[in-house]
Amino acid sequence: MTKKGPLTKIEKFYIEHNAELGKKALSKELNRTQKSVQSHIDNVKPSTEHSTESKSDSAPTTRAGALMARNEKGSTTMTEAASQVGDESRGKSKDLGARYTGAVTTIKSQ
């Protein structure tokens, strides 16, 4: 008699990494129905394909904090690469927010 109830984390992991065996062999090894094994394979496929596409399309972003130079005593120094990343990201946020909209004045050139 096959097991009932939801698949455990271990069973899901096993199915994901041994999907090439086929649903018949997996269901026999795990003592589960072929329908439950197939439904998990179908649920996993779209999410893994989507995540690999989104990672390859977007450019890798590095935060300036990861590029700081640190030593074992606790001091931190900004490297040239961290400075450049900070300068590039500085121009992105121009909105000051509702709190400062009336307090900031720009000087008009004549």
Protein backbone atom coordinates (compact mmCIF):
# COMPACT_ATOMS: atom_id res chain seq x y z
CA MET A 1 0.00 0.00 0.00
CA THR A 2 1.36 3.41 -0.93
CA LYS A 3 1.97 6.23 1.52
CA LYS A 4 -0.63 8.95 1.89
CA GLY A 5 -0.27 12.62 2.71
CA PRO A 6 2.08 15.30 1.42
CA LEU A 7 5.61 14.54 0.29
CA THR A 8 8.29 15.10 2.91
CA LYS A 9 11.26 17.39 2.33
CA ILE A 10 13.53 14.39 1.90
CA GLU A 11 11.25 12.83 -0.72
CA LYS A 12 10.99 16.14 -2.61
CA PHE A 13 14.78 16.48 -2.58
CA TYR A 14 15.19 12.93 -3.85
CA ILE A 15 12.68 13.49 -6.65
CA GLU A 16 14.33 16.76 -7.72
CA HIS A 17 17.80 15.23 -7.95
CA ASN A 18 16.76 11.93 -9.51
CA ALA A 19 14.08 13.08 -11.96
CA GLU A 20 15.89 11.36 -14.84
CA LEU A 21 14.87 7.96 -13.39
CA GLY A 22 11.27 8.61 -14.39
CA LYS A 23 8.09 8.80 -12.40
CA LYS A 24 7.52 5.03 -12.43
CA ALA A 25 10.87 4.18 -10.81
CA LEU A 26 10.69 7.06 -8.35
CA SER A 27 7.19 6.18 -7.23
CA LYS A 28 8.25 2.56 -6.69
CA GLU A 29 11.37 3.54 -4.66
CA LEU A 30 9.52 6.08 -2.51
CA ASN A 31 6.35 3.99 -2.19
CA ARG A 32 4.27 6.90 -3.50
CA THR A 33 1.73 7.22 -6.30
CA GLN A 34 2.92 8.16 -9.78
CA LYS A 35 0.51 11.08 -9.75
CA SER A 36 2.08 12.67 -6.65
CA VAL A 37 5.60 12.20 -8.04
CA GLN A 38 4.61 13.67 -11.41
CA SER A 39 2.86 16.66 -9.80
CA HIS A 40 5.99 17.49 -7.80
CA ILE A 41 8.17 17.22 -10.92
CA ASP A 42 5.78 19.56 -12.76
CA ASN A 43 5.80 22.06 -9.88
CA VAL A 44 9.60 22.13 -9.68
CA LYS A 45 10.41 22.48 -13.40
CA PRO A 46 8.92 25.96 -14.04
CA SER A 47 10.50 27.52 -10.96
CA THR A 48 14.02 26.24 -11.73
CA GLU A 49 13.84 27.27 -15.39
CA HIS A 50 12.60 30.74 -14.47
CA SER A 51 15.28 31.32 -11.85
CA THR A 52 18.13 30.44 -14.23
CA GLU A 53 16.75 32.77 -16.91
CA SER A 54 16.39 35.71 -14.56
CA LYS A 55 19.91 35.27 -13.21
CA SER A 56 21.52 35.17 -16.64
CA ASP A 57 19.56 38.17 -17.98
CA SER A 58 20.35 40.59 -15.17
CA ALA A 59 23.80 42.05 -14.64
CA PRO A 60 25.47 41.03 -11.39
CA THR A 61 25.16 43.77 -8.79
CA THR A 62 27.68 44.17 -6.01
CA ARG A 63 27.06 46.25 -2.94
CA ALA A 64 29.77 48.63 -1.79
CA GLY A 65 29.91 47.01 1.66
CA ALA A 66 31.14 43.75 0.15
CA LEU A 67 34.06 45.55 -1.48
CA MET A 68 35.38 47.21 1.69
CA ALA A 69 38.82 46.21 2.98
CA ARG A 70 38.77 44.81 6.54
CA ASN A 71 41.42 43.52 8.90
CA GLU A 72 41.35 41.32 12.00
CA LYS A 73 41.53 44.31 14.40
CA GLY A 74 38.20 45.67 13.19
CA SER A 75 39.17 48.62 11.03
CA THR A 76 37.50 49.09 7.65
CA THR A 77 38.75 51.06 4.65
CA MET A 78 36.88 51.94 1.48
CA THR A 79 38.62 50.55 -1.58
CA GLU A 80 38.61 52.15 -5.02
CA ALA A 81 36.12 49.57 -6.29
CA ALA A 82 33.75 50.24 -3.36
CA SER A 83 33.96 53.96 -4.04
CA GLN A 84 33.07 53.47 -7.70
CA VAL A 85 30.08 51.26 -6.85
CA GLY A 86 28.89 53.87 -4.35
CA ASP A 87 29.24 56.67 -6.90
CA GLU A 88 27.26 54.69 -9.50
CA SER A 89 24.40 53.96 -7.11
CA ARG A 90 24.26 57.49 -5.73
CA GLY A 91 22.57 58.91 -8.82
CA LYS A 92 19.78 56.34 -8.76
CA SER A 93 17.81 57.69 -5.79
CA LYS A 94 16.72 61.28 -6.43
CA ASP A 95 13.46 61.22 -4.51
CA LEU A 96 13.88 62.85 -1.09
CA GLY A 97 10.57 61.73 0.33
CA ALA A 98 7.51 63.51 1.66
CA ARG A 99 9.25 64.79 4.78
CA TYR A 100 11.78 66.93 2.91
CA THR A 101 9.77 68.17 -0.08
CA GLY A 102 9.11 71.63 1.42
CA ALA A 103 12.50 71.96 3.13
CA VAL A 104 14.84 71.57 0.18
CA THR A 105 15.36 74.61 -2.04
CA THR A 106 17.21 74.66 -5.33
CA ILE A 107 19.10 77.81 -6.34
CA LYS A 108 17.91 79.26 -9.63
CA SER A 109 20.50 80.52 -12.04
CA GLN A 110 19.76 83.95 -13.56
